[in-house]
PDB file of N, CA and C in Angstrom:
ATOM      1  N   MET A   1      89.985 -41.089 -17.497  1.00  0.00           N
ATOM      2  CA  MET A   1      88.636 -41.532 -17.795  1.00  0.00           C
ATOM      3  C   MET A   1      87.659 -40.687 -16.983  1.00  0.00           C
ATOM      4  N   ALA A   2      86.819 -39.989 -17.657  1.00  0.00           N
ATOM      5  CA  ALA A   2      85.861 -39.102 -17.008  1.00  0.00           C
ATOM      6  C   ALA A   2      84.656 -39.890 -16.506  1.00  0.00           C
ATOM      7  N   LEU A   3      84.159 -39.496 -15.349  1.00  0.00           N
ATOM      8  CA  LEU A   3      82.956 -40.120 -14.810  1.00  0.00           C
ATOM      9  C   LEU A   3      81.733 -39.564 -15.527  1.00  0.00           C
ATOM     10  N   PRO A   4      80.770 -40.406 -15.778  1.00  0.00           N
ATOM     11  CA  PRO A   4      79.521 -39.893 -16.349  1.00  0.00           C
ATOM     12  C   PRO A   4      78.874 -38.910 -15.365  1.00  0.00           C
ATOM     13  N   LYS A   5      78.100 -38.006 -15.884  1.00  0.00           N
ATOM     14  CA  LYS A   5      77.479 -36.968 -15.060  1.00  0.00           C
ATOM     15  C   LYS A   5      76.637 -37.554 -13.938  1.00  0.00           C
ATOM     16  N   LEU A   6      75.934 -38.634 -14.193  1.00  0.00           N
ATOM     17  CA  LEU A   6      75.084 -39.235 -13.168  1.00  0.00           C
ATOM     18  C   LEU A   6      75.918 -39.735 -11.992  1.00  0.00           C
ATOM     19  N   GLN A   7      77.050 -40.377 -12.267  1.00  0.00           N
ATOM     20  CA  GLN A   7      77.905 -40.849 -11.184  1.00  0.00           C
ATOM     21  C   GLN A   7      78.454 -39.671 -10.380  1.00  0.00           C
ATOM     22  N   PHE A   8      78.838 -38.618 -11.058  1.00  0.00           N
ATOM     23  CA  PHE A   8      79.331 -37.425 -10.375  1.00  0.00           C
ATOM     24  C   PHE A   8      78.269 -36.842  -9.451  1.00  0.00           C
ATOM     25  N   VAL A   9      77.041 -36.741  -9.925  1.00  0.00           N
ATOM     26  CA  VAL A   9      75.948 -36.193  -9.127  1.00  0.00           C
ATOM     27  C   VAL A   9      75.679 -37.075  -7.913  1.00  0.00           C
ATOM     28  N   VAL A  10      75.674 -38.375  -8.090  1.00  0.00           N
ATOM     29  CA  VAL A  10      75.423 -39.305  -6.980  1.00  0.00           C
ATOM     30  C   VAL A  10      76.517 -39.174  -5.918  1.00  0.00           C
ATOM     31  N   ILE A  11      77.763 -39.120  -6.344  1.00  0.00           N
ATOM     32  CA  ILE A  11      78.869 -38.973  -5.392  1.00  0.00           C
ATOM     33  C   ILE A  11      78.769 -37.637  -4.670  1.00  0.00           C
ATOM     34  N   PHE A  12      78.440 -36.582  -5.382  1.00  0.00           N
ATOM     35  CA  PHE A  12      78.302 -35.258  -4.780  1.00  0.00           C
ATOM     36  C   PHE A  12      77.198 -35.240  -3.729  1.00  0.00           C
ATOM     37  N   VAL A  13      76.057 -35.831  -4.041  1.00  0.00           N
ATOM     38  CA  VAL A  13      74.931 -35.868  -3.100  1.00  0.00           C
ATOM     39  C   VAL A  13      75.298 -36.673  -1.856  1.00  0.00           C
ATOM     40  N   LEU A  14      75.942 -37.805  -2.020  1.00  0.00           N
ATOM     41  CA  LEU A  14      76.336 -38.625  -0.869  1.00  0.00           C
ATOM     42  C   LEU A  14      77.332 -37.877   0.028  1.00  0.00           C
ATOM     43  N   CYS A  15      78.292 -37.207  -0.578  1.00  0.00           N
ATOM     44  CA  CYS A  15      79.260 -36.437   0.214  1.00  0.00           C
ATOM     45  C   CYS A  15      78.572 -35.290   0.947  1.00  0.00           C
ATOM     46  N   SER A  16      77.639 -34.638   0.305  1.00  0.00           N
ATOM     47  CA  SER A  16      76.909 -33.539   0.938  1.00  0.00           C
ATOM     48  C   SER A  16      76.101 -34.034   2.125  1.00  0.00           C
ATOM     49  N   LEU A  17      75.436 -35.161   1.971  1.00  0.00           N
ATOM     50  CA  LEU A  17      74.667 -35.730   3.081  1.00  0.00           C
ATOM     51  C   LEU A  17      75.565 -36.101   4.252  1.00  0.00           C
ATOM     52  N   LEU A  18      76.711 -36.675   3.960  1.00  0.00           N
ATOM     53  CA  LEU A  18      77.649 -37.054   5.005  1.00  0.00           C
ATOM     54  C   LEU A  18      78.132 -35.830   5.776  1.00  0.00           C
ATOM     55  N   VAL A  19      78.510 -34.785   5.086  1.00  0.00           N
ATOM     56  CA  VAL A  19      78.978 -33.560   5.733  1.00  0.00           C
ATOM     57  C   VAL A  19      77.858 -32.928   6.553  1.00  0.00           C
ATOM     58  N   THR A  20      76.649 -32.903   6.030  1.00  0.00           N
ATOM     59  CA  THR A  20      75.516 -32.311   6.742  1.00  0.00           C
ATOM     60  C   THR A  20      75.236 -33.061   8.035  1.00  0.00           C
ATOM     61  N   CYS A  21      75.223 -34.375   7.981  1.00  0.00           N
ATOM     62  CA  CYS A  21      74.954 -35.179   9.183  1.00  0.00           C
ATOM     63  C   CYS A  21      76.042 -34.975  10.229  1.00  0.00           C
ATOM     64  N   GLN A  22      77.291 -34.956   9.828  1.00  0.00           N
ATOM     65  CA  GLN A  22      78.382 -34.763  10.775  1.00  0.00           C
ATOM     66  C   GLN A  22      78.340 -33.368  11.380  1.00  0.00           C
ATOM     67  N   SER A  23      78.010 -32.373  10.608  1.00  0.00           N
ATOM     68  CA  SER A  23      77.940 -31.000  11.107  1.00  0.00           C
ATOM     69  C   SER A  23      76.838 -30.860  12.138  1.00  0.00           C
ATOM     70  N   LYS A  24      75.714 -31.519  11.927  1.00  0.00           N
ATOM     71  CA  LYS A  24      74.592 -31.445  12.867  1.00  0.00           C
ATOM     72  C   LYS A  24      75.010 -32.003  14.222  1.00  0.00           C
ATOM     73  N   ASP A  25      75.711 -33.143  14.255  1.00  0.00           N
ATOM     74  CA  ASP A  25      76.158 -33.723  15.513  1.00  0.00           C
ATOM     75  C   ASP A  25      77.107 -32.786  16.245  1.00  0.00           C
ATOM     76  N   VAL A  26      78.009 -32.158  15.532  1.00  0.00           N
ATOM     77  CA  VAL A  26      78.964 -31.250  16.157  1.00  0.00           C
ATOM     78  C   VAL A  26      78.238 -30.052  16.745  1.00  0.00           C
ATOM     79  N   ARG A  27      77.270 -29.487  16.024  1.00  0.00           N
ATOM     80  CA  ARG A  27      76.527 -28.334  16.524  1.00  0.00           C
ATOM     81  C   ARG A  27      75.736 -28.689  17.769  1.00  0.00           C
ATOM     82  N   GLU A  28      75.095 -29.860  17.793  1.00  0.00           N
ATOM     83  CA  GLU A  28      74.314 -30.256  18.966  1.00  0.00           C
ATOM     84  C   GLU A  28      75.208 -30.456  20.174  1.00  0.00           C
ATOM     85  N   ASN A  29      76.380 -31.062  19.988  1.00  0.00           N
ATOM     86  CA  ASN A  29      77.288 -31.262  21.112  1.00  0.00           C
ATOM     87  C   ASN A  29      77.859 -29.946  21.602  1.00  0.00           C
ATOM     88  N   ALA A  30      78.097 -29.010  20.723  1.00  0.00           N
ATOM     89  CA  ALA A  30      78.619 -27.713  21.136  1.00  0.00           C
ATOM     90  C   ALA A  30      77.564 -26.930  21.906  1.00  0.00           C
ATOM     91  N   ALA A  31      76.308 -27.078  21.524  1.00  0.00           N
ATOM     92  CA  ALA A  31      75.239 -26.349  22.193  1.00  0.00           C
ATOM     93  C   ALA A  31      74.988 -26.892  23.594  1.00  0.00           C
ATOM     94  N   HIS A  32      75.180 -28.181  23.802  1.00  0.00           N
ATOM     95  CA  HIS A  32      74.936 -28.821  25.099  1.00  0.00           C
ATOM     96  C   HIS A  32      76.120 -29.711  25.459  1.00  0.00           C
ATOM     97  N   PRO A  33      77.261 -29.109  25.777  1.00  0.00           N
ATOM     98  CA  PRO A  33      78.438 -29.917  26.019  1.00  0.00           C
ATOM     99  C   PRO A  33      78.329 -30.836  27.211  1.00  0.00           C
ATOM    100  N   SER A  34      77.648 -30.418  28.272  1.00  0.00           N
ATOM    101  CA  SER A  34      77.601 -31.270  29.449  1.00  0.00           C
ATOM    102  C   SER A  34      76.182 -31.583  29.896  1.00  0.00           C
ATOM    103  N   HIS A  35      75.196 -30.937  29.332  1.00  0.00           N
ATOM    104  CA  HIS A  35      73.787 -31.128  29.697  1.00  0.00           C
ATOM    105  C   HIS A  35      73.536 -30.784  31.157  1.00  0.00           C
ATOM    106  N   CYS A  36      74.373 -29.939  31.732  1.00  0.00           N
ATOM    107  CA  CYS A  36      74.229 -29.510  33.128  1.00  0.00           C
ATOM    108  C   CYS A  36      73.669 -28.101  33.198  1.00  0.00           C
ATOM    109  N   VAL A  37      72.876 -27.886  34.229  1.00  0.00           N
ATOM    110  CA  VAL A  37      72.515 -26.535  34.627  1.00  0.00           C
ATOM    111  C   VAL A  37      73.184 -26.371  35.984  1.00  0.00           C
ATOM    112  N   TYR A  38      74.133 -25.465  36.059  1.00  0.00           N
ATOM    113  CA  TYR A  38      74.899 -25.295  37.290  1.00  0.00           C
ATOM    114  C   TYR A  38      74.143 -24.414  38.272  1.00  0.00           C
ATOM    115  N   LYS A  39      73.987 -24.922  39.506  1.00  0.00           N
ATOM    116  CA  LYS A  39      73.212 -24.235  40.544  1.00  0.00           C
ATOM    117  C   LYS A  39      73.926 -24.337  41.880  1.00  0.00           C
ATOM    118  N   GLY A  40      74.469 -23.292  42.363  1.00  0.00           N
ATOM    119  CA  GLY A  40      74.952 -23.206  43.738  1.00  0.00           C
ATOM    120  C   GLY A  40      76.143 -24.064  44.096  1.00  0.00           C
ATOM    121  N   LEU A  41      76.766 -23.726  45.209  1.00  0.00           N
ATOM    122  CA  LEU A  41      77.939 -24.431  45.704  1.00  0.00           C
ATOM    123  C   LEU A  41      77.542 -25.685  46.476  1.00  0.00           C
ATOM    124  N   CYS A  42      78.479 -26.631  46.556  1.00  0.00           N
ATOM    125  CA  CYS A  42      78.208 -27.890  47.273  1.00  0.00           C
ATOM    126  C   CYS A  42      79.509 -28.474  47.788  1.00  0.00           C
ATOM    127  N   VAL A  43      79.344 -29.444  48.703  1.00  0.00           N
ATOM    128  CA  VAL A  43      80.475 -30.211  49.205  1.00  0.00           C
ATOM    129  C   VAL A  43      80.336 -31.663  48.764  1.00  0.00           C
ATOM    130  N   SER A  44      79.087 -32.164  48.730  1.00  0.00           N
ATOM    131  CA  SER A  44      78.824 -33.541  48.306  1.00  0.00           C
ATOM    132  C   SER A  44      77.488 -33.603  47.560  1.00  0.00           C
ATOM    133  N   ASN A  45      77.191 -34.738  46.955  1.00  0.00           N
ATOM    134  CA  ASN A  45      75.958 -34.894  46.159  1.00  0.00           C
ATOM    135  C   ASN A  45      74.670 -34.584  46.928  1.00  0.00           C
ATOM    136  N   PRO A  46      74.535 -34.980  48.213  1.00  0.00           N
ATOM    137  CA  PRO A  46      73.291 -34.649  48.933  1.00  0.00           C
ATOM    138  C   PRO A  46      73.021 -33.140  49.032  1.00  0.00           C
ATOM    139  N   ASP A  47      74.057 -32.326  48.986  1.00  0.00           N
ATOM    140  CA  ASP A  47      73.877 -30.868  49.020  1.00  0.00           C
ATOM    141  C   ASP A  47      73.096 -30.370  47.805  1.00  0.00           C
ATOM    142  N   CYS A  48      73.125 -31.121  46.723  1.00  0.00           N
ATOM    143  CA  CYS A  48      72.486 -30.690  45.472  1.00  0.00           C
ATOM    144  C   CYS A  48      71.031 -31.128  45.362  1.00  0.00           C
ATOM    145  N   LYS A  49      70.573 -31.971  46.269  1.00  0.00           N
ATOM    146  CA  LYS A  49      69.207 -32.493  46.182  1.00  0.00           C
ATOM    147  C   LYS A  49      68.174 -31.372  46.187  1.00  0.00           C
ATOM    148  N   SER A  50      68.301 -30.432  47.099  1.00  0.00           N
ATOM    149  CA  SER A  50      67.309 -29.350  47.167  1.00  0.00           C
ATOM    150  C   SER A  50      67.507 -28.338  46.041  1.00  0.00           C
ATOM    151  N   GLN A  51      68.735 -28.112  45.622  1.00  0.00           N
ATOM    152  CA  GLN A  51      69.001 -27.131  44.578  1.00  0.00           C
ATOM    153  C   GLN A  51      68.564 -27.611  43.190  1.00  0.00           C
ATOM    154  N   CYS A  52      68.517 -28.931  42.996  1.00  0.00           N
ATOM    155  CA  CYS A  52      68.169 -29.486  41.688  1.00  0.00           C
ATOM    156  C   CYS A  52      66.769 -30.102  41.662  1.00  0.00           C
ATOM    157  N   GLY A  53      65.952 -29.781  42.638  1.00  0.00           N
ATOM    158  CA  GLY A  53      64.611 -30.362  42.708  1.00  0.00           C
ATOM    159  C   GLY A  53      63.524 -29.382  42.314  1.00  0.00           C
ATOM    160  N   PRO A  54      62.278 -29.824  42.500  1.00  0.00           N
ATOM    161  CA  PRO A  54      61.132 -28.956  42.199  1.00  0.00           C
ATOM    162  C   PRO A  54      61.160 -27.713  43.083  1.00  0.00           C
ATOM    163  N   PRO A  55      60.594 -26.629  42.693  1.00  0.00           N
ATOM    164  CA  PRO A  55      59.760 -26.398  41.511  1.00  0.00           C
ATOM    165  C   PRO A  55      60.557 -26.003  40.265  1.00  0.00           C
ATOM    166  N   GLU A  56      61.850 -25.688  40.424  1.00  0.00           N
ATOM    167  CA  GLU A  56      62.629 -25.217  39.279  1.00  0.00           C
ATOM    168  C   GLU A  56      62.986 -26.341  38.302  1.00  0.00           C
ATOM    169  N   PHE A  57      63.166 -27.560  38.807  1.00  0.00           N
ATOM    170  CA  PHE A  57      63.546 -28.700  37.973  1.00  0.00           C
ATOM    171  C   PHE A  57      62.540 -29.829  38.156  1.00  0.00           C
ATOM    172  N   PRO A  58      62.358 -30.683  37.140  1.00  0.00           N
ATOM    173  CA  PRO A  58      61.457 -31.832  37.293  1.00  0.00           C
ATOM    174  C   PRO A  58      61.995 -32.815  38.335  1.00  0.00           C
ATOM    175  N   PRO A  59      61.120 -33.645  38.908  1.00  0.00           N
ATOM    176  CA  PRO A  59      61.540 -34.579  39.961  1.00  0.00           C
ATOM    177  C   PRO A  59      62.630 -35.569  39.533  1.00  0.00           C
ATOM    178  N   GLU A  60      62.712 -35.900  38.243  1.00  0.00           N
ATOM    179  CA  GLU A  60      63.708 -36.882  37.791  1.00  0.00           C
ATOM    180  C   GLU A  60      65.098 -36.278  37.591  1.00  0.00           C
ATOM    181  N   THR A  61      65.272 -34.992  37.904  1.00  0.00           N
ATOM    182  CA  THR A  61      66.565 -34.334  37.758  1.00  0.00           C
ATOM    183  C   THR A  61      67.544 -34.848  38.805  1.00  0.00           C
ATOM    184  N   ILE A  62      68.760 -35.105  38.375  1.00  0.00           N
ATOM    185  CA  ILE A  62      69.817 -35.594  39.264  1.00  0.00           C
ATOM    186  C   ILE A  62      70.728 -34.425  39.616  1.00  0.00           C
ATOM    187  N   GLY A  63      71.114 -34.318  40.857  1.00  0.00           N
ATOM    188  CA  GLY A  63      72.051 -33.290  41.290  1.00  0.00           C
ATOM    189  C   GLY A  63      73.383 -33.915  41.632  1.00  0.00           C
ATOM    190  N   LEU A  64      74.422 -33.534  40.914  1.00  0.00           N
ATOM    191  CA  LEU A  64      75.760 -34.063  41.157  1.00  0.00           C
ATOM    192  C   LEU A  64      76.691 -32.928  41.550  1.00  0.00           C
ATOM    193  N   CYS A  65      77.477 -33.157  42.581  1.00  0.00           N
ATOM    194  CA  CYS A  65      78.454 -32.166  43.028  1.00  0.00           C
ATOM    195  C   CYS A  65      79.727 -32.384  42.207  1.00  0.00           C
ATOM    196  N   GLN A  66      80.094 -31.368  41.417  1.00  0.00           N
ATOM    197  CA  GLN A  66      81.257 -31.475  40.537  1.00  0.00           C
ATOM    198  C   GLN A  66      82.174 -30.284  40.739  1.00  0.00           C
ATOM    199  N   ALA A  67      83.403 -30.445  40.284  1.00  0.00           N
ATOM    200  CA  ALA A  67      84.333 -29.324  40.312  1.00  0.00           C
ATOM    201  C   ALA A  67      83.798 -28.232  39.394  1.00  0.00           C
ATOM    202  N   SER A  68      83.890 -27.005  39.834  1.00  0.00           N
ATOM    203  CA  SER A  68      83.406 -25.877  39.045  1.00  0.00           C
ATOM    204  C   SER A  68      84.177 -25.784  37.728  1.00  0.00           C
ATOM    205  N   PRO A  69      83.481 -25.508  36.610  1.00  0.00           N
ATOM    206  CA  PRO A  69      84.184 -25.360  35.334  1.00  0.00           C
ATOM    207  C   PRO A  69      85.203 -24.220  35.360  1.00  0.00           C
ATOM    208  N   ARG A  70      85.011 -23.270  36.241  1.00  0.00           N
ATOM    209  CA  ARG A  70      85.938 -22.139  36.347  1.00  0.00           C
ATOM    210  C   ARG A  70      86.999 -22.360  37.422  1.00  0.00           C
ATOM    211  N   GLY A  71      86.950 -23.508  38.098  1.00  0.00           N
ATOM    212  CA  GLY A  71      87.966 -23.835  39.091  1.00  0.00           C
ATOM    213  C   GLY A  71      87.789 -23.164  40.431  1.00  0.00           C
ATOM    214  N   HIS A  72      86.563 -22.794  40.787  1.00  0.00           N
ATOM    215  CA  HIS A  72      86.303 -22.134  42.069  1.00  0.00           C
ATOM    216  C   HIS A  72      85.491 -23.046  42.981  1.00  0.00           C
ATOM    217  N   GLY A  73      86.067 -24.112  43.476  1.00  0.00           N
ATOM    218  CA  GLY A  73      85.370 -25.024  44.369  1.00  0.00           C
ATOM    219  C   GLY A  73      84.471 -25.990  43.621  1.00  0.00           C
ATOM    220  N   ASN A  74      83.431 -26.467  44.315  1.00  0.00           N
ATOM    221  CA  ASN A  74      82.476 -27.406  43.732  1.00  0.00           C
ATOM    222  C   ASN A  74      81.126 -26.734  43.508  1.00  0.00           C
ATOM    223  N   ILE A  75      80.438 -27.199  42.486  1.00  0.00           N
ATOM    224  CA  ILE A  75      79.142 -26.623  42.120  1.00  0.00           C
ATOM    225  C   ILE A  75      78.189 -27.749  41.739  1.00  0.00           C
ATOM    226  N   CYS A  76      76.895 -27.564  41.992  1.00  0.00           N
ATOM    227  CA  CYS A  76      75.901 -28.586  41.659  1.00  0.00           C
ATOM    228  C   CYS A  76      75.632 -28.591  40.159  1.00  0.00           C
ATOM    229  N   CYS A  77      75.657 -29.780  39.591  1.00  0.00           N
ATOM    230  CA  CYS A  77      75.292 -29.985  38.188  1.00  0.00           C
ATOM    231  C   CYS A  77      73.920 -30.655  38.197  1.00  0.00           C
ATOM    232  N   CYS A  78      72.910 -29.930  37.735  1.00  0.00           N
ATOM    233  CA  CYS A  78      71.562 -30.467  37.677  1.00  0.00           C
ATOM    234  C   CYS A  78      71.315 -30.993  36.264  1.00  0.00           C
ATOM    235  N   ALA A  79      71.092 -32.295  36.144  1.00  0.00           N
ATOM    236  CA  ALA A  79      70.932 -32.915  34.832  1.00  0.00           C
ATOM    237  C   ALA A  79      69.853 -33.967  34.866  1.00  0.00           C
ATOM    238  N   LYS A  80      69.185 -34.156  33.729  1.00  0.00           N
ATOM    239  CA  LYS A  80      68.210 -35.238  33.634  1.00  0.00           C
ATOM    240  C   LYS A  80      68.931 -36.558  33.555  1.00  0.00           C
ATOM    241  N   ASP A  81      68.303 -37.602  34.039  1.00  0.00           N
ATOM    242  CA  ASP A  81      68.865 -38.945  34.048  1.00  0.00           C
ATOM    243  C   ASP A  81      69.147 -39.432  32.654  1.00  0.00           C
TER     244      ASP A  81
END
């Protein structure tokens, strides 16, 4: 039993919208995987306070001491709250 053309078009449009929306989310997450700007070495979170503050970053920026993505010690992750 063949679907009428209108039903086919409606199903096609819905599938296209679904794929487009899912692709957009994947692209945004790939572009900003961690939302961090890595700045300088650290031992603990207080070490990142000056590196993640003004004038380079807004006052609401949080500085977290995290393991380096490349595995070379710890590095400050400057991120908005």
